[in-house]
Amino acid sequence: MKEKIFTINEVPLYKIDLVYVAIISTDTLNVTDIGNTIESFRMMFPAVMIQGINPKHVFGIDHIFEVIQIVLESNNRNIKIARRLEMELLLRLICSNQVDKALYIGGIRNNGYGCFILLSENKLLMINSIKYLRKIFVKQNLSLLNATRSKMIDICNRLDLRCGNYRKEEFLKILTEKAVLVSL
């Protein structure tokens, strides 16, 4: 289960088992090339995994944590659907086994808004990487990750689910089950 450790520059740092997790969500994604920005980050912080996702496809912060737990457990059992954990995270959040489709649907775009999920077993590197990203993405806006009715409807339509009158907890369980069932 997740445990909140402390907050760095308005970004909460969590721990799940041995892995530190941070989520940065911003509506001020003013970079020329998001792909190059992420690659530069990976070169600077090779021990910190980063995955960007369009927050419109995330049904609340608990959705992210549920999927992270699935990804970490599948990695521990060596039952991965992707070589990189970051891609596994995106595939399971989007509920797709196709990398191109997951990137098309859930990938972040230049000059839009985005959510960055950071994972590392190294606490000091996580702290430094959060500080680095906060310099680039000045404004933290976690409200972009709120579980809303409109997100539920969009996700239902994308996944061909019946758009029922689900409670948030019930819909999160459905998404978690879908994430577990993603396979190649």
C-alpha atoms as a PDB file:
ATOM      1  CA  MET A   1       0.000   0.000   0.000  1.00  0.00           C
ATOM      2  CA  LYS A   2       1.112   3.563  -0.570  1.00  0.00           C
ATOM      3  CA  GLU A   3       2.533   5.665   2.218  1.00  0.00           C
ATOM      4  CA  LYS A   4       3.007   9.425   1.968  1.00  0.00           C
ATOM      5  CA  ILE A   5       6.540  10.334   3.062  1.00  0.00           C
ATOM      6  CA  PHE A   6       6.635  14.144   2.698  1.00  0.00           C
ATOM      7  CA  THR A   7       6.142  16.949   0.174  1.00  0.00           C
ATOM      8  CA  ILE A   8       8.842  18.561  -1.993  1.00  0.00           C
ATOM      9  CA  ASN A   9       7.966  21.807  -3.798  1.00  0.00           C
ATOM     10  CA  GLU A  10       4.215  21.020  -3.592  1.00  0.00           C
ATOM     11  CA  VAL A  11       4.812  17.470  -4.894  1.00  0.00           C
ATOM     12  CA  PRO A  12       3.933  14.674  -2.470  1.00  0.00           C
ATOM     13  CA  LEU A  13       6.471  11.842  -2.297  1.00  0.00           C
ATOM     14  CA  TYR A  14       4.996   8.404  -1.677  1.00  0.00           C
ATOM     15  CA  LYS A  15       6.493   5.001  -1.073  1.00  0.00           C
ATOM     16  CA  ILE A  16       5.092   1.689  -2.279  1.00  0.00           C
ATOM     17  CA  ASP A  17       7.167  -1.227  -1.016  1.00  0.00           C
ATOM     18  CA  LEU A  18      10.749  -0.174  -1.888  1.00  0.00           C
ATOM     19  CA  VAL A  19       9.781   2.280  -4.619  1.00  0.00           C
ATOM     20  CA  TYR A  20       9.359   6.023  -4.224  1.00  0.00           C
ATOM     21  CA  VAL A  21       6.590   7.567  -6.311  1.00  0.00           C
ATOM     22  CA  ALA A  22       5.904  11.170  -7.257  1.00  0.00           C
ATOM     23  CA  ILE A  23       3.202  12.581  -9.494  1.00  0.00           C
ATOM     24  CA  ILE A  24       3.564  15.969 -11.127  1.00  0.00           C
ATOM     25  CA  SER A  25       0.527  17.245 -12.973  1.00  0.00           C
ATOM     26  CA  THR A  26       0.691  20.527 -14.811  1.00  0.00           C
ATOM     27  CA  ASP A  27      -1.385  22.623 -17.142  1.00  0.00           C
ATOM     28  CA  THR A  28       1.653  24.682 -18.128  1.00  0.00           C
ATOM     29  CA  LEU A  29       3.504  22.252 -20.379  1.00  0.00           C
ATOM     30  CA  ASN A  30       5.355  24.860 -22.398  1.00  0.00           C
ATOM     31  CA  VAL A  31       8.217  22.895 -23.922  1.00  0.00           C
ATOM     32  CA  THR A  32       9.261  22.794 -27.540  1.00  0.00           C
ATOM     33  CA  ASP A  33       9.577  19.008 -27.737  1.00  0.00           C
ATOM     34  CA  ILE A  34       8.224  16.854 -24.933  1.00  0.00           C
ATOM     35  CA  GLY A  35      10.019  13.765 -26.273  1.00  0.00           C
ATOM     36  CA  ASN A  36      13.407  15.472 -26.068  1.00  0.00           C
ATOM     37  CA  THR A  37      12.566  16.854 -22.631  1.00  0.00           C
ATOM     38  CA  ILE A  38      11.791  13.363 -21.304  1.00  0.00           C
ATOM     39  CA  GLU A  39      14.910  11.874 -22.942  1.00  0.00           C
ATOM     40  CA  SER A  40      17.068  14.619 -21.402  1.00  0.00           C
ATOM     41  CA  PHE A  41      15.490  13.864 -18.026  1.00  0.00           C
ATOM     42  CA  ARG A  42      16.261  10.147 -18.434  1.00  0.00           C
ATOM     43  CA  MET A  43      19.886  10.927 -19.241  1.00  0.00           C
ATOM     44  CA  MET A  44      20.208  13.171 -16.172  1.00  0.00           C
ATOM     45  CA  PHE A  45      18.401  10.765 -13.838  1.00  0.00           C
ATOM     46  CA  PRO A  46      18.879   7.226 -15.211  1.00  0.00           C
ATOM     47  CA  ALA A  47      17.763   5.631 -11.934  1.00  0.00           C
ATOM     48  CA  VAL A  48      14.434   7.498 -12.004  1.00  0.00           C
ATOM     49  CA  MET A  49      11.730   6.155 -14.301  1.00  0.00           C
ATOM     50  CA  ILE A  50       9.426   8.749 -15.821  1.00  0.00           C
ATOM     51  CA  GLN A  51       6.189   8.298 -17.715  1.00  0.00           C
ATOM     52  CA  GLY A  52       4.093  11.098 -19.090  1.00  0.00           C
ATOM     53  CA  ILE A  53       0.370  10.668 -19.576  1.00  0.00           C
ATOM     54  CA  ASN A  54      -2.510  12.858 -20.604  1.00  0.00           C
ATOM     55  CA  PRO A  55      -4.420  13.428 -17.332  1.00  0.00           C
ATOM     56  CA  LYS A  56      -7.742  13.275 -19.159  1.00  0.00           C
ATOM     57  CA  HIS A  57      -7.308   9.469 -19.230  1.00  0.00           C
ATOM     58  CA  VAL A  58      -6.532   9.117 -15.525  1.00  0.00           C
ATOM     59  CA  PHE A  59      -9.506   8.482 -13.266  1.00  0.00           C
ATOM     60  CA  GLY A  60      -8.060  10.026 -10.140  1.00  0.00           C
ATOM     61  CA  ILE A  61      -4.774   9.657  -8.348  1.00  0.00           C
ATOM     62  CA  ASP A  62      -5.907   6.322  -6.874  1.00  0.00           C
ATOM     63  CA  HIS A  63      -6.143   4.988 -10.440  1.00  0.00           C
ATOM     64  CA  ILE A  64      -2.425   5.704 -10.841  1.00  0.00           C
ATOM     65  CA  PHE A  65      -1.537   4.027  -7.546  1.00  0.00           C
ATOM     66  CA  GLU A  66      -3.625   0.944  -8.303  1.00  0.00           C
ATOM     67  CA  VAL A  67      -1.866   0.529 -11.654  1.00  0.00           C
ATOM     68  CA  ILE A  68       1.572   1.158 -10.128  1.00  0.00           C
ATOM     69  CA  GLN A  69       0.935  -1.684  -7.684  1.00  0.00           C
ATOM     70  CA  ILE A  70      -0.045  -3.967 -10.583  1.00  0.00           C
ATOM     71  CA  VAL A  71       3.072  -2.977 -12.541  1.00  0.00           C
ATOM     72  CA  LEU A  72       5.393  -3.506  -9.570  1.00  0.00           C
ATOM     73  CA  GLU A  73       3.862  -6.876  -8.768  1.00  0.00           C
ATOM     74  CA  SER A  74       4.014  -8.047 -12.386  1.00  0.00           C
ATOM     75  CA  ASN A  75       7.652  -6.934 -12.483  1.00  0.00           C
ATOM     76  CA  ASN A  76       8.402  -8.891  -9.284  1.00  0.00           C
ATOM     77  CA  ARG A  77       6.812 -11.972 -10.846  1.00  0.00           C
ATOM     78  CA  ASN A  78       8.557 -11.322 -14.176  1.00  0.00           C
ATOM     79  CA  ILE A  79       5.219 -11.205 -16.017  1.00  0.00           C
ATOM     80  CA  LYS A  80       5.702  -7.984 -17.917  1.00  0.00           C
ATOM     81  CA  ILE A  81       3.943  -6.929 -21.096  1.00  0.00           C
ATOM     82  CA  ALA A  82       6.601  -4.344 -21.970  1.00  0.00           C
ATOM     83  CA  ARG A  83      10.371  -4.217 -21.559  1.00  0.00           C
ATOM     84  CA  ARG A  84      10.305  -0.907 -19.717  1.00  0.00           C
ATOM     85  CA  LEU A  85       8.221  -0.407 -16.592  1.00  0.00           C
ATOM     86  CA  GLU A  86       7.299   3.085 -17.749  1.00  0.00           C
ATOM     87  CA  MET A  87       5.654   1.696 -20.871  1.00  0.00           C
ATOM     88  CA  GLU A  88       3.967  -1.037 -18.861  1.00  0.00           C
ATOM     89  CA  LEU A  89       2.498   1.691 -16.675  1.00  0.00           C
ATOM     90  CA  LEU A  90       1.114   3.585 -19.676  1.00  0.00           C
ATOM     91  CA  LEU A  91      -0.276   0.428 -21.306  1.00  0.00           C
ATOM     92  CA  ARG A  92      -2.107  -0.583 -18.138  1.00  0.00           C
ATOM     93  CA  LEU A  93      -3.402   2.928 -17.392  1.00  0.00           C
ATOM     94  CA  ILE A  94      -4.841   3.137 -20.914  1.00  0.00           C
ATOM     95  CA  CYS A  95      -5.916  -0.566 -20.832  1.00  0.00           C
ATOM     96  CA  SER A  96      -4.233  -1.395 -24.125  1.00  0.00           C
ATOM     97  CA  ASN A  97      -1.662  -3.943 -25.210  1.00  0.00           C
ATOM     98  CA  GLN A  98      -0.584  -1.831 -28.201  1.00  0.00           C
ATOM     99  CA  VAL A  99       2.215   0.673 -27.614  1.00  0.00           C
ATOM    100  CA  ASP A 100       1.266   2.895 -30.564  1.00  0.00           C
ATOM    101  CA  LYS A 101      -2.364   3.032 -29.439  1.00  0.00           C
ATOM    102  CA  ALA A 102      -1.404   3.777 -25.826  1.00  0.00           C
ATOM    103  CA  LEU A 103       0.909   6.591 -26.922  1.00  0.00           C
ATOM    104  CA  TYR A 104      -1.713   8.010 -29.282  1.00  0.00           C
ATOM    105  CA  ILE A 105      -4.450   7.955 -26.640  1.00  0.00           C
ATOM    106  CA  GLY A 106      -2.562   8.656 -23.439  1.00  0.00           C
ATOM    107  CA  GLY A 107       0.621  10.345 -24.552  1.00  0.00           C
ATOM    108  CA  ILE A 108       1.237  13.969 -23.747  1.00  0.00           C
ATOM    109  CA  ARG A 109       1.563  16.619 -26.407  1.00  0.00           C
ATOM    110  CA  ASN A 110       3.701  19.727 -26.713  1.00  0.00           C
ATOM    111  CA  ASN A 111       2.070  22.867 -25.303  1.00  0.00           C
ATOM    112  CA  GLY A 112      -0.744  20.929 -23.652  1.00  0.00           C
ATOM    113  CA  TYR A 113      -1.084  19.643 -20.146  1.00  0.00           C
ATOM    114  CA  GLY A 114       0.402  16.522 -18.684  1.00  0.00           C
ATOM    115  CA  CYS A 115       0.962  14.244 -15.779  1.00  0.00           C
ATOM    116  CA  PHE A 116       4.404  12.844 -15.018  1.00  0.00           C
ATOM    117  CA  ILE A 117       4.762   9.749 -12.894  1.00  0.00           C
ATOM    118  CA  LEU A 118       8.208   9.223 -11.371  1.00  0.00           C
ATOM    119  CA  LEU A 119       9.406   5.948  -9.854  1.00  0.00           C
ATOM    120  CA  SER A 120      12.732   5.154  -8.205  1.00  0.00           C
ATOM    121  CA  GLU A 121      14.234   3.143  -5.390  1.00  0.00           C
ATOM    122  CA  ASN A 122      16.652   6.016  -4.735  1.00  0.00           C
ATOM    123  CA  LYS A 123      15.099   8.668  -2.487  1.00  0.00           C
ATOM    124  CA  LEU A 124      17.778  11.335  -3.053  1.00  0.00           C
ATOM    125  CA  LEU A 125      17.561  11.014  -6.844  1.00  0.00           C
ATOM    126  CA  MET A 126      13.774  11.285  -6.617  1.00  0.00           C
ATOM    127  CA  ILE A 127      14.059  14.493  -4.603  1.00  0.00           C
ATOM    128  CA  ASN A 128      16.561  15.967  -7.086  1.00  0.00           C
ATOM    129  CA  SER A 129      14.470  14.906 -10.089  1.00  0.00           C
ATOM    130  CA  ILE A 130      11.329  16.470  -8.594  1.00  0.00           C
ATOM    131  CA  LYS A 131      13.170  19.738  -8.026  1.00  0.00           C
ATOM    132  CA  TYR A 132      14.452  19.635 -11.614  1.00  0.00           C
ATOM    133  CA  LEU A 133      10.986  19.020 -13.094  1.00  0.00           C
ATOM    134  CA  ARG A 134       9.394  21.696 -10.922  1.00  0.00           C
ATOM    135  CA  LYS A 135      11.794  24.224 -12.470  1.00  0.00           C
ATOM    136  CA  ILE A 136      10.556  23.260 -15.936  1.00  0.00           C
ATOM    137  CA  PHE A 137       6.878  22.827 -15.072  1.00  0.00           C
ATOM    138  CA  VAL A 138       6.298  25.690 -12.719  1.00  0.00           C
ATOM    139  CA  LYS A 139       2.683  25.052 -11.785  1.00  0.00           C
ATOM    140  CA  GLN A 140       1.532  21.873 -10.019  1.00  0.00           C
ATOM    141  CA  ASN A 141      -2.153  21.245 -10.746  1.00  0.00           C
ATOM    142  CA  LEU A 142      -3.323  17.936  -9.305  1.00  0.00           C
ATOM    143  CA  SER A 143      -6.945  18.880  -9.967  1.00  0.00           C
ATOM    144  CA  LEU A 144      -6.331  17.699 -13.553  1.00  0.00           C
ATOM    145  CA  LEU A 145      -6.315  14.164 -12.123  1.00  0.00           C
ATOM    146  CA  ASN A 146      -9.694  14.425 -10.390  1.00  0.00           C
ATOM    147  CA  ALA A 147     -12.060  11.527 -10.985  1.00  0.00           C
ATOM    148  CA  THR A 148     -14.963  13.200 -12.764  1.00  0.00           C
ATOM    149  CA  ARG A 149     -18.172  12.002 -14.364  1.00  0.00           C
ATOM    150  CA  SER A 150     -17.043  13.277 -17.785  1.00  0.00           C
ATOM    151  CA  LYS A 151     -13.793  11.297 -17.508  1.00  0.00           C
ATOM    152  CA  MET A 152     -15.802   8.225 -16.579  1.00  0.00           C
ATOM    153  CA  ILE A 153     -17.991   8.632 -19.665  1.00  0.00           C
ATOM    154  CA  ASP A 154     -14.975   9.205 -21.948  1.00  0.00           C
ATOM    155  CA  ILE A 155     -13.171   6.156 -20.549  1.00  0.00           C
ATOM    156  CA  CYS A 156     -16.317   4.014 -20.858  1.00  0.00           C
ATOM    157  CA  ASN A 157     -16.692   5.045 -24.495  1.00  0.00           C
ATOM    158  CA  ARG A 158     -13.012   4.371 -25.260  1.00  0.00           C
ATOM    159  CA  LEU A 159     -13.080   0.941 -23.591  1.00  0.00           C
ATOM    160  CA  ASP A 160     -16.534   0.012 -24.949  1.00  0.00           C
ATOM    161  CA  LEU A 161     -17.948  -0.257 -21.436  1.00  0.00           C
ATOM    162  CA  ARG A 162     -21.591   0.294 -20.612  1.00  0.00           C
ATOM    163  CA  CYS A 163     -21.864   3.831 -19.245  1.00  0.00           C
ATOM    164  CA  GLY A 164     -23.704   3.046 -16.067  1.00  0.00           C
ATOM    165  CA  ASN A 165     -24.259   5.153 -13.038  1.00  0.00           C
ATOM    166  CA  TYR A 166     -21.118   3.865 -11.287  1.00  0.00           C
ATOM    167  CA  ARG A 167     -19.874   5.197  -8.011  1.00  0.00           C
ATOM    168  CA  LYS A 168     -16.243   6.359  -8.202  1.00  0.00           C
ATOM    169  CA  GLU A 169     -14.970   3.438  -6.121  1.00  0.00           C
ATOM    170  CA  GLU A 170     -16.867   0.952  -8.256  1.00  0.00           C
ATOM    171  CA  PHE A 171     -15.531   2.410 -11.496  1.00  0.00           C
ATOM    172  CA  LEU A 172     -11.983   2.422 -10.116  1.00  0.00           C
ATOM    173  CA  LYS A 173     -12.325  -1.307  -9.387  1.00  0.00           C
ATOM    174  CA  ILE A 174     -13.453  -1.893 -12.976  1.00  0.00           C
ATOM    175  CA  LEU A 175     -10.437   0.023 -14.310  1.00  0.00           C
ATOM    176  CA  THR A 176      -8.098  -1.845 -11.961  1.00  0.00           C
ATOM    177  CA  GLU A 177      -9.461  -5.174 -13.164  1.00  0.00           C
ATOM    178  CA  LYS A 178      -9.073  -4.064 -16.791  1.00  0.00           C
ATOM    179  CA  ALA A 179      -5.462  -3.012 -16.057  1.00  0.00           C
ATOM    180  CA  VAL A 180      -4.688  -6.439 -14.577  1.00  0.00           C
ATOM    181  CA  LEU A 181      -6.112  -8.175 -17.635  1.00  0.00           C
ATOM    182  CA  VAL A 182      -3.966  -6.295 -20.165  1.00  0.00           C
ATOM    183  CA  SER A 183      -1.660  -8.841 -21.817  1.00  0.00           C
ATOM    184  CA  LEU A 184       0.150  -9.433 -25.062  1.00  0.00           C
END
